[in-house]
Amino acid sequence: MAYTESDTRAKLIDPQIKSSDWLESHIVREYYFTDGRKLIGGKRGQQYYVDYLSSSINSCLSFIKLNELKIPFPSLLIQQKVVKYLDEISEKTEKVKSVQKKKMDSLKALKASVLDRALRGEL
């Protein structure tokens, strides 16, 4: 699913900004940093802007131009395959953890048994 530029802002960028240390008062959205090239007849060329500008005490810290930001999303089929694979790996991991716990419990019991026999002089 492809997001529009405003969807990308609303769903991906804004939540990250809110959870970061950036202060809302230091964020300027759609900041035009040029009036456009001067053309003949007093006209101007294309204006350029950044989608986000973070500033502090009149000092530009960073900017993001969303239409140059490529965020690829795999197809739903691929996402479903990835989820299935990760579920299988998770299930196998849980099985391995269970076997390891049983082996550790057996080793602890064996150690206790050997120590007990050694202390009784049966070895």
PDB file of N, CA and C in Angstrom:
ATOM      1  N   MET A   1       0.848  -1.172   0.000  1.00  0.00           N
ATOM      2  CA  MET A   1       0.000   0.000   0.000  1.00  0.00           C
ATOM      3  C   MET A   1       0.897   1.239   0.000  1.00  0.00           C
ATOM      4  N   ALA A   2       0.675   2.124  -0.935  1.00  0.00           N
ATOM      5  CA  ALA A   2       1.455   3.352  -1.017  1.00  0.00           C
ATOM      6  C   ALA A   2       0.724   4.471  -0.281  1.00  0.00           C
ATOM      7  N   TYR A   3       1.474   5.191   0.546  1.00  0.00           N
ATOM      8  CA  TYR A   3       0.902   6.337   1.260  1.00  0.00           C
ATOM      9  C   TYR A   3       1.061   7.589   0.417  1.00  0.00           C
ATOM     10  N   THR A   4       0.105   8.493   0.553  1.00  0.00           N
ATOM     11  CA  THR A   4       0.276   9.812  -0.047  1.00  0.00           C
ATOM     12  C   THR A   4       1.264  10.573   0.832  1.00  0.00           C
ATOM     13  N   GLU A   5       1.678  11.724   0.354  1.00  0.00           N
ATOM     14  CA  GLU A   5       2.622  12.524   1.138  1.00  0.00           C
ATOM     15  C   GLU A   5       2.009  12.919   2.484  1.00  0.00           C
ATOM     16  N   SER A   6       0.718  13.334   2.487  1.00  0.00           N
ATOM     17  CA  SER A   6       0.094  13.714   3.763  1.00  0.00           C
ATOM     18  C   SER A   6      -0.113  12.523   4.684  1.00  0.00           C
ATOM     19  N   ASP A   7      -0.418  11.324   4.105  1.00  0.00           N
ATOM     20  CA  ASP A   7      -0.530  10.109   4.926  1.00  0.00           C
ATOM     21  C   ASP A   7       0.810   9.793   5.578  1.00  0.00           C
ATOM     22  N   THR A   8       1.886   9.919   4.807  1.00  0.00           N
ATOM     23  CA  THR A   8       3.217   9.648   5.342  1.00  0.00           C
ATOM     24  C   THR A   8       3.510  10.574   6.511  1.00  0.00           C
ATOM     25  N   ARG A   9       3.166  11.842   6.347  1.00  0.00           N
ATOM     26  CA  ARG A   9       3.363  12.803   7.442  1.00  0.00           C
ATOM     27  C   ARG A   9       2.547  12.401   8.665  1.00  0.00           C
ATOM     28  N   ALA A  10       1.240  12.178   8.456  1.00  0.00           N
ATOM     29  CA  ALA A  10       0.325  11.920   9.574  1.00  0.00           C
ATOM     30  C   ALA A  10       0.600  10.590  10.270  1.00  0.00           C
ATOM     31  N   LYS A  11       0.913   9.557   9.494  1.00  0.00           N
ATOM     32  CA  LYS A  11       1.028   8.217  10.075  1.00  0.00           C
ATOM     33  C   LYS A  11       2.451   7.818  10.460  1.00  0.00           C
ATOM     34  N   LEU A  12       3.454   8.383   9.792  1.00  0.00           N
ATOM     35  CA  LEU A  12       4.825   7.940  10.039  1.00  0.00           C
ATOM     36  C   LEU A  12       5.716   9.012  10.669  1.00  0.00           C
ATOM     37  N   ILE A  13       5.655  10.227  10.153  1.00  0.00           N
ATOM     38  CA  ILE A  13       6.590  11.252  10.602  1.00  0.00           C
ATOM     39  C   ILE A  13       6.108  11.957  11.870  1.00  0.00           C
ATOM     40  N   ASP A  14       4.863  12.447  11.870  1.00  0.00           N
ATOM     41  CA  ASP A  14       4.358  13.188  13.038  1.00  0.00           C
ATOM     42  C   ASP A  14       4.436  12.385  14.342  1.00  0.00           C
ATOM     43  N   PRO A  15       4.048  11.101  14.362  1.00  0.00           N
ATOM     44  CA  PRO A  15       4.172  10.347  15.615  1.00  0.00           C
ATOM     45  C   PRO A  15       5.624  10.244  16.102  1.00  0.00           C
ATOM     46  N   GLN A  16       6.567  10.133  15.162  1.00  0.00           N
ATOM     47  CA  GLN A  16       7.974  10.069  15.552  1.00  0.00           C
ATOM     48  C   GLN A  16       8.442  11.403  16.134  1.00  0.00           C
ATOM     49  N   ILE A  17       7.970  12.482  15.539  1.00  0.00           N
ATOM     50  CA  ILE A  17       8.342  13.807  16.038  1.00  0.00           C
ATOM     51  C   ILE A  17       7.768  14.005  17.434  1.00  0.00           C
ATOM     52  N   LYS A  18       6.501  13.607  17.631  1.00  0.00           N
ATOM     53  CA  LYS A  18       5.872  13.771  18.954  1.00  0.00           C
ATOM     54  C   LYS A  18       6.575  12.950  20.018  1.00  0.00           C
ATOM     55  N   SER A  19       7.107  11.786  19.646  1.00  0.00           N
ATOM     56  CA  SER A  19       7.779  10.939  20.634  1.00  0.00           C
ATOM     57  C   SER A  19       9.255  11.300  20.808  1.00  0.00           C
ATOM     58  N   SER A  20       9.756  12.218  19.998  1.00  0.00           N
ATOM     59  CA  SER A  20      11.163  12.610  20.092  1.00  0.00           C
ATOM     60  C   SER A  20      11.308  13.802  21.035  1.00  0.00           C
ATOM     61  N   ASP A  21      12.518  14.306  21.097  1.00  0.00           N
ATOM     62  CA  ASP A  21      12.798  15.467  21.952  1.00  0.00           C
ATOM     63  C   ASP A  21      12.525  16.795  21.253  1.00  0.00           C
ATOM     64  N   TRP A  22      12.053  16.752  20.013  1.00  0.00           N
ATOM     65  CA  TRP A  22      11.774  17.995  19.305  1.00  0.00           C
ATOM     66  C   TRP A  22      10.570  18.685  19.941  1.00  0.00           C
ATOM     67  N   LEU A  23      10.693  19.968  20.142  1.00  0.00           N
ATOM     68  CA  LEU A  23       9.569  20.744  20.665  1.00  0.00           C
ATOM     69  C   LEU A  23       8.706  21.209  19.501  1.00  0.00           C
ATOM     70  N   GLU A  24       7.412  21.151  19.696  1.00  0.00           N
ATOM     71  CA  GLU A  24       6.473  21.569  18.638  1.00  0.00           C
ATOM     72  C   GLU A  24       6.737  23.018  18.226  1.00  0.00           C
ATOM     73  N   SER A  25       7.141  23.844  19.175  1.00  0.00           N
ATOM     74  CA  SER A  25       7.393  25.258  18.869  1.00  0.00           C
ATOM     75  C   SER A  25       8.624  25.451  17.981  1.00  0.00           C
ATOM     76  N   HIS A  26       9.477  24.435  17.866  1.00  0.00           N
ATOM     77  CA  HIS A  26      10.679  24.539  17.043  1.00  0.00           C
ATOM     78  C   HIS A  26      10.508  23.871  15.682  1.00  0.00           C
ATOM     79  N   ILE A  27       9.312  23.374  15.397  1.00  0.00           N
ATOM     80  CA  ILE A  27       9.092  22.681  14.129  1.00  0.00           C
ATOM     81  C   ILE A  27       8.275  23.570  13.201  1.00  0.00           C
ATOM     82  N   VAL A  28       8.790  23.745  11.993  1.00  0.00           N
ATOM     83  CA  VAL A  28       8.076  24.499  10.973  1.00  0.00           C
ATOM     84  C   VAL A  28       7.739  23.514   9.867  1.00  0.00           C
ATOM     85  N   ARG A  29       6.490  23.441   9.485  1.00  0.00           N
ATOM     86  CA  ARG A  29       6.068  22.533   8.417  1.00  0.00           C
ATOM     87  C   ARG A  29       5.966  23.303   7.099  1.00  0.00           C
ATOM     88  N   GLU A  30       6.344  22.641   6.027  1.00  0.00           N
ATOM     89  CA  GLU A  30       6.322  23.226   4.681  1.00  0.00           C
ATOM     90  C   GLU A  30       7.000  24.597   4.660  1.00  0.00           C
ATOM     91  N   TYR A  31       8.260  24.584   5.004  1.00  0.00           N
ATOM     92  CA  TYR A  31       9.063  25.803   5.049  1.00  0.00           C
ATOM     93  C   TYR A  31       9.659  26.079   3.674  1.00  0.00           C
ATOM     94  N   TYR A  32       9.282  27.222   3.098  1.00  0.00           N
ATOM     95  CA  TYR A  32       9.829  27.621   1.804  1.00  0.00           C
ATOM     96  C   TYR A  32      11.168  28.307   2.036  1.00  0.00           C
ATOM     97  N   PHE A  33      12.226  27.742   1.459  1.00  0.00           N
ATOM     98  CA  PHE A  33      13.547  28.318   1.685  1.00  0.00           C
ATOM     99  C   PHE A  33      14.044  29.120   0.486  1.00  0.00           C
ATOM    100  N   THR A  34      13.216  29.256  -0.529  1.00  0.00           N
ATOM    101  CA  THR A  34      13.571  30.105  -1.667  1.00  0.00           C
ATOM    102  C   THR A  34      12.281  30.673  -2.271  1.00  0.00           C
ATOM    103  N   ASP A  35      12.411  31.871  -2.810  1.00  0.00           N
ATOM    104  CA  ASP A  35      11.266  32.485  -3.494  1.00  0.00           C
ATOM    105  C   ASP A  35      11.207  32.067  -4.950  1.00  0.00           C
ATOM    106  N   GLY A  36      12.153  31.285  -5.377  1.00  0.00           N
ATOM    107  CA  GLY A  36      12.222  30.896  -6.780  1.00  0.00           C
ATOM    108  C   GLY A  36      13.184  31.793  -7.533  1.00  0.00           C
ATOM    109  N   ARG A  37      13.745  31.251  -8.569  1.00  0.00           N
ATOM    110  CA  ARG A  37      14.711  31.998  -9.368  1.00  0.00           C
ATOM    111  C   ARG A  37      14.044  33.194 -10.050  1.00  0.00           C
ATOM    112  N   LYS A  38      14.743  34.302 -10.106  1.00  0.00           N
ATOM    113  CA  LYS A  38      14.205  35.486 -10.784  1.00  0.00           C
ATOM    114  C   LYS A  38      14.201  35.251 -12.285  1.00  0.00           C
ATOM    115  N   LEU A  39      13.068  35.528 -12.882  1.00  0.00           N
ATOM    116  CA  LEU A  39      12.921  35.363 -14.324  1.00  0.00           C
ATOM    117  C   LEU A  39      12.691  36.714 -14.976  1.00  0.00           C
ATOM    118  N   ILE A  40      12.758  36.738 -16.278  1.00  0.00           N
ATOM    119  CA  ILE A  40      12.522  37.963 -17.038  1.00  0.00           C
ATOM    120  C   ILE A  40      11.085  38.421 -16.806  1.00  0.00           C
ATOM    121  N   GLY A  41      10.914  39.713 -16.703  1.00  0.00           N
ATOM    122  CA  GLY A  41       9.575  40.283 -16.545  1.00  0.00           C
ATOM    123  C   GLY A  41       9.124  40.307 -15.088  1.00  0.00           C
ATOM    124  N   GLY A  42      10.072  40.195 -14.153  1.00  0.00           N
ATOM    125  CA  GLY A  42       9.727  40.260 -12.732  1.00  0.00           C
ATOM    126  C   GLY A  42       9.046  38.999 -12.208  1.00  0.00           C
ATOM    127  N   LYS A  43       9.039  37.959 -13.002  1.00  0.00           N
ATOM    128  CA  LYS A  43       8.423  36.710 -12.562  1.00  0.00           C
ATOM    129  C   LYS A  43       9.427  35.887 -11.767  1.00  0.00           C
ATOM    130  N   ARG A  44       8.903  34.865 -11.114  1.00  0.00           N
ATOM    131  CA  ARG A  44       9.736  33.962 -10.315  1.00  0.00           C
ATOM    132  C   ARG A  44       9.553  32.526 -10.789  1.00  0.00           C
ATOM    133  N   GLY A  45      10.606  31.744 -10.641  1.00  0.00           N
ATOM    134  CA  GLY A  45      10.545  30.324 -10.969  1.00  0.00           C
ATOM    135  C   GLY A  45       9.940  29.535  -9.809  1.00  0.00           C
ATOM    136  N   GLN A  46      10.138  28.244  -9.827  1.00  0.00           N
ATOM    137  CA  GLN A  46       9.569  27.353  -8.823  1.00  0.00           C
ATOM    138  C   GLN A  46      10.153  27.624  -7.436  1.00  0.00           C
ATOM    139  N   GLN A  47       9.252  27.688  -6.460  1.00  0.00           N
ATOM    140  CA  GLN A  47       9.683  27.809  -5.074  1.00  0.00           C
ATOM    141  C   GLN A  47      10.027  26.418  -4.551  1.00  0.00           C
ATOM    142  N   TYR A  48      11.027  26.332  -3.682  1.00  0.00           N
ATOM    143  CA  TYR A  48      11.400  25.068  -3.081  1.00  0.00           C
ATOM    144  C   TYR A  48      11.133  25.129  -1.587  1.00  0.00           C
ATOM    145  N   TYR A  49      10.688  23.999  -1.047  1.00  0.00           N
ATOM    146  CA  TYR A  49      10.403  23.954   0.381  1.00  0.00           C
ATOM    147  C   TYR A  49      10.789  22.599   0.944  1.00  0.00           C
ATOM    148  N   VAL A  50      10.897  22.560   2.245  1.00  0.00           N
ATOM    149  CA  VAL A  50      11.083  21.302   2.962  1.00  0.00           C
ATOM    150  C   VAL A  50       9.815  21.041   3.743  1.00  0.00           C
ATOM    151  N   ASP A  51       9.486  19.763   3.930  1.00  0.00           N
ATOM    152  CA  ASP A  51       8.259  19.424   4.649  1.00  0.00           C
ATOM    153  C   ASP A  51       8.366  19.714   6.144  1.00  0.00           C
ATOM    154  N   TYR A  52       9.540  19.490   6.706  1.00  0.00           N
ATOM    155  CA  TYR A  52       9.760  19.760   8.124  1.00  0.00           C
ATOM    156  C   TYR A  52      11.084  20.481   8.304  1.00  0.00           C
ATOM    157  N   LEU A  53      11.070  21.479   9.148  1.00  0.00           N
ATOM    158  CA  LEU A  53      12.293  22.182   9.501  1.00  0.00           C
ATOM    159  C   LEU A  53      12.316  22.289  11.014  1.00  0.00           C
ATOM    160  N   SER A  54      13.383  21.803  11.618  1.00  0.00           N
ATOM    161  CA  SER A  54      13.542  21.928  13.059  1.00  0.00           C
ATOM    162  C   SER A  54      14.556  23.018  13.317  1.00  0.00           C
ATOM    163  N   SER A  55      14.189  23.985  14.126  1.00  0.00           N
ATOM    164  CA  SER A  55      15.106  25.083  14.382  1.00  0.00           C
ATOM    165  C   SER A  55      15.136  25.412  15.864  1.00  0.00           C
ATOM    166  N   SER A  56      16.211  26.030  16.265  1.00  0.00           N
ATOM    167  CA  SER A  56      16.371  26.463  17.645  1.00  0.00           C
ATOM    168  C   SER A  56      17.212  27.724  17.627  1.00  0.00           C
ATOM    169  N   ILE A  57      16.698  28.794  18.187  1.00  0.00           N
ATOM    170  CA  ILE A  57      17.377  30.088  18.247  1.00  0.00           C
ATOM    171  C   ILE A  57      17.890  30.489  16.854  1.00  0.00           C
ATOM    172  N   ASN A  58      16.991  30.493  15.908  1.00  0.00           N
ATOM    173  CA  ASN A  58      17.270  30.894  14.525  1.00  0.00           C
ATOM    174  C   ASN A  58      18.365  30.076  13.855  1.00  0.00           C
ATOM    175  N   SER A  59      18.579  28.869  14.332  1.00  0.00           N
ATOM    176  CA  SER A  59      19.594  28.010  13.740  1.00  0.00           C
ATOM    177  C   SER A  59      18.918  26.762  13.196  1.00  0.00           C
ATOM    178  N   CYS A  60      19.084  26.514  11.906  1.00  0.00           N
ATOM    179  CA  CYS A  60      18.464  25.346  11.280  1.00  0.00           C
ATOM    180  C   CYS A  60      19.205  24.089  11.716  1.00  0.00           C
ATOM    181  N   LEU A  61      18.484  23.139  12.288  1.00  0.00           N
ATOM    182  CA  LEU A  61      19.102  21.897  12.741  1.00  0.00           C
ATOM    183  C   LEU A  61      18.946  20.775  11.721  1.00  0.00           C
ATOM    184  N   SER A  62      17.755  20.627  11.187  1.00  0.00           N
ATOM    185  CA  SER A  62      17.539  19.542  10.232  1.00  0.00           C
ATOM    186  C   SER A  62      16.281  19.818   9.428  1.00  0.00           C
ATOM    187  N   PHE A  63      16.180  19.160   8.286  1.00  0.00           N
ATOM    188  CA  PHE A  63      14.968  19.264   7.496  1.00  0.00           C
ATOM    189  C   PHE A  63      14.734  17.962   6.760  1.00  0.00           C
ATOM    190  N   ILE A  64      13.469  17.744   6.435  1.00  0.00           N
ATOM    191  CA  ILE A  64      13.060  16.528   5.737  1.00  0.00           C
ATOM    192  C   ILE A  64      12.201  16.928   4.552  1.00  0.00           C
ATOM    193  N   LYS A  65      12.522  16.421   3.404  1.00  0.00           N
ATOM    194  CA  LYS A  65      11.702  16.636   2.213  1.00  0.00           C
ATOM    195  C   LYS A  65      11.052  15.295   1.897  1.00  0.00           C
ATOM    196  N   LEU A  66       9.764  15.183   2.199  1.00  0.00           N
ATOM    197  CA  LEU A  66       9.082  13.899   2.142  1.00  0.00           C
ATOM    198  C   LEU A  66       8.992  13.297   0.750  1.00  0.00           C
ATOM    199  N   ASN A  67       8.829  14.120  -0.264  1.00  0.00           N
ATOM    200  CA  ASN A  67       8.681  13.517  -1.586  1.00  0.00           C
ATOM    201  C   ASN A  67      10.000  12.940  -2.104  1.00  0.00           C
ATOM    202  N   GLU A  68      11.103  13.187  -1.401  1.00  0.00           N
ATOM    203  CA  GLU A  68      12.368  12.560  -1.754  1.00  0.00           C
ATOM    204  C   GLU A  68      12.659  11.362  -0.855  1.00  0.00           C
ATOM    205  N   LEU A  69      11.807  11.147   0.144  1.00  0.00           N
ATOM    206  CA  LEU A  69      11.978  10.047   1.080  1.00  0.00           C
ATOM    207  C   LEU A  69      11.261   8.825   0.533  1.00  0.00           C
ATOM    208  N   LYS A  70      12.014   7.779   0.272  1.00  0.00           N
ATOM    209  CA  LYS A  70      11.441   6.551  -0.285  1.00  0.00           C
ATOM    210  C   LYS A  70      11.188   5.560   0.846  1.00  0.00           C
ATOM    211  N   ILE A  71       9.940   5.199   1.063  1.00  0.00           N
ATOM    212  CA  ILE A  71       9.585   4.218   2.075  1.00  0.00           C
ATOM    213  C   ILE A  71       8.873   3.080   1.359  1.00  0.00           C
ATOM    214  N   PRO A  72       9.611   2.011   1.047  1.00  0.00           N
ATOM    215  CA  PRO A  72       8.988   0.903   0.317  1.00  0.00           C
ATOM    216  C   PRO A  72       8.152   0.021   1.242  1.00  0.00           C
ATOM    217  N   PHE A  73       7.033  -0.425   0.749  1.00  0.00           N
ATOM    218  CA  PHE A  73       6.184  -1.359   1.475  1.00  0.00           C
ATOM    219  C   PHE A  73       6.013  -2.595   0.614  1.00  0.00           C
ATOM    220  N   PRO A  74       6.316  -3.777   1.171  1.00  0.00           N
ATOM    221  CA  PRO A  74       6.124  -4.997   0.383  1.00  0.00           C
ATOM    222  C   PRO A  74       4.638  -5.261   0.168  1.00  0.00           C
ATOM    223  N   SER A  75       4.341  -6.068  -0.825  1.00  0.00           N
ATOM    224  CA  SER A  75       2.943  -6.398  -1.110  1.00  0.00           C
ATOM    225  C   SER A  75       2.351  -7.166   0.068  1.00  0.00           C
ATOM    226  N   LEU A  76       1.032  -7.228   0.127  1.00  0.00           N
ATOM    227  CA  LEU A  76       0.343  -7.923   1.218  1.00  0.00           C
ATOM    228  C   LEU A  76       0.740  -9.395   1.251  1.00  0.00           C
ATOM    229  N   LEU A  77       0.884 -10.009   0.091  1.00  0.00           N
ATOM    230  CA  LEU A  77       1.276 -11.416   0.022  1.00  0.00           C
ATOM    231  C   LEU A  77       2.647 -11.627   0.671  1.00  0.00           C
ATOM    232  N   ILE A  78       3.592 -10.771   0.354  1.00  0.00           N
ATOM    233  CA  ILE A  78       4.928 -10.878   0.943  1.00  0.00           C
ATOM    234  C   ILE A  78       4.864 -10.630   2.446  1.00  0.00           C
ATOM    235  N   GLN A  79       4.077  -9.647   2.876  1.00  0.00           N
ATOM    236  CA  GLN A  79       3.925  -9.383   4.304  1.00  0.00           C
ATOM    237  C   GLN A  79       3.361 -10.610   5.020  1.00  0.00           C
ATOM    238  N   GLN A  80       2.379 -11.263   4.411  1.00  0.00           N
ATOM    239  CA  GLN A  80       1.785 -12.457   5.021  1.00  0.00           C
ATOM    240  C   GLN A  80       2.809 -13.590   5.109  1.00  0.00           C
ATOM    241  N   LYS A  81       3.635 -13.740   4.067  1.00  0.00           N
ATOM    242  CA  LYS A  81       4.682 -14.767   4.090  1.00  0.00           C
ATOM    243  C   LYS A  81       5.694 -14.477   5.191  1.00  0.00           C
ATOM    244  N   VAL A  82       6.066 -13.225   5.345  1.00  0.00           N
ATOM    245  CA  VAL A  82       7.018 -12.842   6.394  1.00  0.00           C
ATOM    246  C   VAL A  82       6.434 -13.142   7.774  1.00  0.00           C
ATOM    247  N   VAL A  83       5.176 -12.794   7.973  1.00  0.00           N
ATOM    248  CA  VAL A  83       4.518 -13.064   9.255  1.00  0.00           C
ATOM    249  C   VAL A  83       4.483 -14.567   9.532  1.00  0.00           C
ATOM    250  N   LYS A  84       4.134 -15.353   8.527  1.00  0.00           N
ATOM    251  CA  LYS A  84       4.090 -16.816   8.688  1.00  0.00           C
ATOM    252  C   LYS A  84       5.472 -17.352   9.051  1.00  0.00           C
ATOM    253  N   TYR A  85       6.492 -16.889   8.354  1.00  0.00           N
ATOM    254  CA  TYR A  85       7.857 -17.330   8.624  1.00  0.00           C
ATOM    255  C   TYR A  85       8.274 -16.961  10.053  1.00  0.00           C
ATOM    256  N   LEU A  86       7.995 -15.726  10.452  1.00  0.00           N
ATOM    257  CA  LEU A  86       8.368 -15.292  11.797  1.00  0.00           C
ATOM    258  C   LEU A  86       7.602 -16.066  12.866  1.00  0.00           C
ATOM    259  N   ASP A  87       6.334 -16.376  12.597  1.00  0.00           N
ATOM    260  CA  ASP A  87       5.561 -17.201  13.534  1.00  0.00           C
ATOM    261  C   ASP A  87       6.185 -18.584  13.675  1.00  0.00           C
ATOM    262  N   GLU A  88       6.603 -19.171  12.543  1.00  0.00           N
ATOM    263  CA  GLU A  88       7.244 -20.499  12.580  1.00  0.00           C
ATOM    264  C   GLU A  88       8.553 -20.445  13.369  1.00  0.00           C
ATOM    265  N   ILE A  89       9.354 -19.419  13.123  1.00  0.00           N
ATOM    266  CA  ILE A  89      10.618 -19.265  13.841  1.00  0.00           C
ATOM    267  C   ILE A  89      10.353 -19.079  15.335  1.00  0.00           C
ATOM    268  N   SER A  90       9.363 -18.292  15.661  1.00  0.00           N
ATOM    269  CA  SER A  90       9.015 -18.059  17.066  1.00  0.00           C
ATOM    270  C   SER A  90       8.592 -19.360  17.744  1.00  0.00           C
ATOM    271  N   GLU A  91       7.787 -20.148  17.050  1.00  0.00           N
ATOM    272  CA  GLU A  91       7.334 -21.434  17.589  1.00  0.00           C
ATOM    273  C   GLU A  91       8.529 -22.368  17.811  1.00  0.00           C
ATOM    274  N   LYS A  92       9.435 -22.451  16.841  1.00  0.00           N
ATOM    275  CA  LYS A  92      10.629 -23.290  16.976  1.00  0.00           C
ATOM    276  C   LYS A  92      11.501 -22.806  18.133  1.00  0.00           C
ATOM    277  N   THR A  93      11.626 -21.509  18.271  1.00  0.00           N
ATOM    278  CA  THR A  93      12.420 -20.935  19.356  1.00  0.00           C
ATOM    279  C   THR A  93      11.842 -21.330  20.712  1.00  0.00           C
ATOM    280  N   GLU A  94      10.521 -21.253  20.829  1.00  0.00           N
ATOM    281  CA  GLU A  94       9.876 -21.643  22.087  1.00  0.00           C
ATOM    282  C   GLU A  94      10.115 -23.120  22.386  1.00  0.00           C
ATOM    283  N   LYS A  95      10.077 -23.976  21.368  1.00  0.00           N
ATOM    284  CA  LYS A  95      10.340 -25.410  21.556  1.00  0.00           C
ATOM    285  C   LYS A  95      11.778 -25.627  22.032  1.00  0.00           C
ATOM    286  N   VAL A  96      12.733 -24.935  21.409  1.00  0.00           N
ATOM    287  CA  VAL A  96      14.136 -25.063  21.801  1.00  0.00           C
ATOM    288  C   VAL A  96      14.315 -24.594  23.237  1.00  0.00           C
ATOM    289  N   LYS A  97      13.671 -23.482  23.599  1.00  0.00           N
ATOM    290  CA  LYS A  97      13.770 -22.988  24.972  1.00  0.00           C
ATOM    291  C   LYS A  97      13.212 -24.001  25.964  1.00  0.00           C
ATOM    292  N   SER A  98      12.118 -24.641  25.604  1.00  0.00           N
ATOM    293  CA  SER A  98      11.510 -25.657  26.466  1.00  0.00           C
ATOM    294  C   SER A  98      12.447 -26.849  26.655  1.00  0.00           C
ATOM    295  N   VAL A  99      13.049 -27.335  25.564  1.00  0.00           N
ATOM    296  CA  VAL A  99      13.990 -28.459  25.639  1.00  0.00           C
ATOM    297  C   VAL A  99      15.197 -28.069  26.481  1.00  0.00           C
ATOM    298  N   GLN A 100      15.716 -26.843  26.285  1.00  0.00           N
ATOM    299  CA  GLN A 100      16.862 -26.381  27.061  1.00  0.00           C
ATOM    300  C   GLN A 100      16.531 -26.338  28.556  1.00  0.00           C
ATOM    301  N   LYS A 101      15.336 -25.863  28.881  1.00  0.00           N
ATOM    302  CA  LYS A 101      14.933 -25.789  30.292  1.00  0.00           C
ATOM    303  C   LYS A 101      14.871 -27.184  30.897  1.00  0.00           C
ATOM    304  N   LYS A 102      14.290 -28.143  30.155  1.00  0.00           N
ATOM    305  CA  LYS A 102      14.212 -29.525  30.652  1.00  0.00           C
ATOM    306  C   LYS A 102      15.613 -30.093  30.863  1.00  0.00           C
ATOM    307  N   LYS A 103      16.530 -29.835  29.924  1.00  0.00           N
ATOM    308  CA  LYS A 103      17.896 -30.331  30.055  1.00  0.00           C
ATOM    309  C   LYS A 103      18.607 -29.689  31.248  1.00  0.00           C
ATOM    310  N   MET A 104      18.400 -28.397  31.439  1.00  0.00           N
ATOM    311  CA  MET A 104      19.009 -27.707  32.585  1.00  0.00           C
ATOM    312  C   MET A 104      18.472 -28.272  33.899  1.00  0.00           C
ATOM    313  N   ASP A 105      17.159 -28.511  33.947  1.00  0.00           N
ATOM    314  CA  ASP A 105      16.557 -29.105  35.156  1.00  0.00           C
ATOM    315  C   ASP A 105      17.137 -30.495  35.408  1.00  0.00           C
ATOM    316  N   SER A 106      17.312 -31.286  34.349  1.00  0.00           N
ATOM    317  CA  SER A 106      17.897 -32.627  34.484  1.00  0.00           C
ATOM    318  C   SER A 106      19.336 -32.548  34.973  1.00  0.00           C
ATOM    319  N   LEU A 107      20.110 -31.590  34.417  1.00  0.00           N
ATOM    320  CA  LEU A 107      21.497 -31.420  34.841  1.00  0.00           C
ATOM    321  C   LEU A 107      21.594 -31.009  36.308  1.00  0.00           C
ATOM    322  N   LYS A 108      20.697 -30.115  36.734  1.00  0.00           N
ATOM    323  CA  LYS A 108      20.688 -29.692  38.135  1.00  0.00           C
ATOM    324  C   LYS A 108      20.377 -30.884  39.042  1.00  0.00           C
ATOM    325  N   ALA A 109      19.403 -31.689  38.639  1.00  0.00           N
ATOM    326  CA  ALA A 109      19.043 -32.870  39.430  1.00  0.00           C
ATOM    327  C   ALA A 109      20.201 -33.857  39.473  1.00  0.00           C
ATOM    328  N   LEU A 110      20.860 -34.052  38.327  1.00  0.00           N
ATOM    329  CA  LEU A 110      22.007 -34.960  38.270  1.00  0.00           C
ATOM    330  C   LEU A 110      23.137 -34.459  39.170  1.00  0.00           C
ATOM    331  N   LYS A 111      23.414 -33.164  39.107  1.00  0.00           N
ATOM    332  CA  LYS A 111      24.456 -32.568  39.941  1.00  0.00           C
ATOM    333  C   LYS A 111      24.143 -32.776  41.420  1.00  0.00           C
ATOM    334  N   ALA A 112      22.889 -32.514  41.803  1.00  0.00           N
ATOM    335  CA  ALA A 112      22.478 -32.691  43.199  1.00  0.00           C
ATOM    336  C   ALA A 112      22.625 -34.155  43.616  1.00  0.00           C
ATOM    337  N   SER A 113      22.265 -35.064  42.737  1.00  0.00           N
ATOM    338  CA  SER A 113      22.362 -36.490  43.021  1.00  0.00           C
ATOM    339  C   SER A 113      23.819 -36.924  43.197  1.00  0.00           C
ATOM    340  N   VAL A 114      24.692 -36.450  42.296  1.00  0.00           N
ATOM    341  CA  VAL A 114      26.114 -36.798  42.376  1.00  0.00           C
ATOM    342  C   VAL A 114      26.720 -36.243  43.660  1.00  0.00           C
ATOM    343  N   LEU A 115      26.394 -34.988  43.985  1.00  0.00           N
ATOM    344  CA  LEU A 115      26.907 -34.389  45.215  1.00  0.00           C
ATOM    345  C   LEU A 115      26.412 -35.164  46.454  1.00  0.00           C
ATOM    346  N   ASP A 116      25.139 -35.527  46.404  1.00  0.00           N
ATOM    347  CA  ASP A 116      24.563 -36.253  47.521  1.00  0.00           C
ATOM    348  C   ASP A 116      25.296 -37.605  47.718  1.00  0.00           C
ATOM    349  N   ARG A 117      25.505 -38.318  46.614  1.00  0.00           N
ATOM    350  CA  ARG A 117      26.187 -39.624  46.686  1.00  0.00           C
ATOM    351  C   ARG A 117      27.640 -39.452  47.151  1.00  0.00           C
ATOM    352  N   ALA A 118      28.278 -38.351  46.671  1.00  0.00           N
ATOM    353  CA  ALA A 118      29.675 -38.098  47.058  1.00  0.00           C
ATOM    354  C   ALA A 118      29.756 -37.813  48.543  1.00  0.00           C
ATOM    355  N   LEU A 119      28.821 -37.024  49.078  1.00  0.00           N
ATOM    356  CA  LEU A 119      28.845 -36.687  50.490  1.00  0.00           C
ATOM    357  C   LEU A 119      28.555 -37.918  51.373  1.00  0.00           C
ATOM    358  N   ARG A 120      27.812 -38.869  50.843  1.00  0.00           N
ATOM    359  CA  ARG A 120      27.510 -40.087  51.600  1.00  0.00           C
ATOM    360  C   ARG A 120      28.609 -41.150  51.419  1.00  0.00           C
ATOM    361  N   GLY A 121      29.595 -40.823  50.582  1.00  0.00           N
ATOM    362  CA  GLY A 121      30.698 -41.742  50.347  1.00  0.00           C
ATOM    363  C   GLY A 121      30.365 -42.914  49.458  1.00  0.00           C
ATOM    364  N   GLU A 122      29.382 -42.748  48.619  1.00  0.00           N
ATOM    365  CA  GLU A 122      28.957 -43.834  47.732  1.00  0.00           C
ATOM    366  C   GLU A 122      29.684 -43.813  46.392  1.00  0.00           C
ATOM    367  N   LEU A 123      30.522 -42.846  46.147  1.00  0.00           N
ATOM    368  CA  LEU A 123      31.246 -42.800  44.859  1.00  0.00           C
ATOM    369  C   LEU A 123      32.598 -43.440  44.953  1.00  0.00           C
TER     370      LEU A 123
END
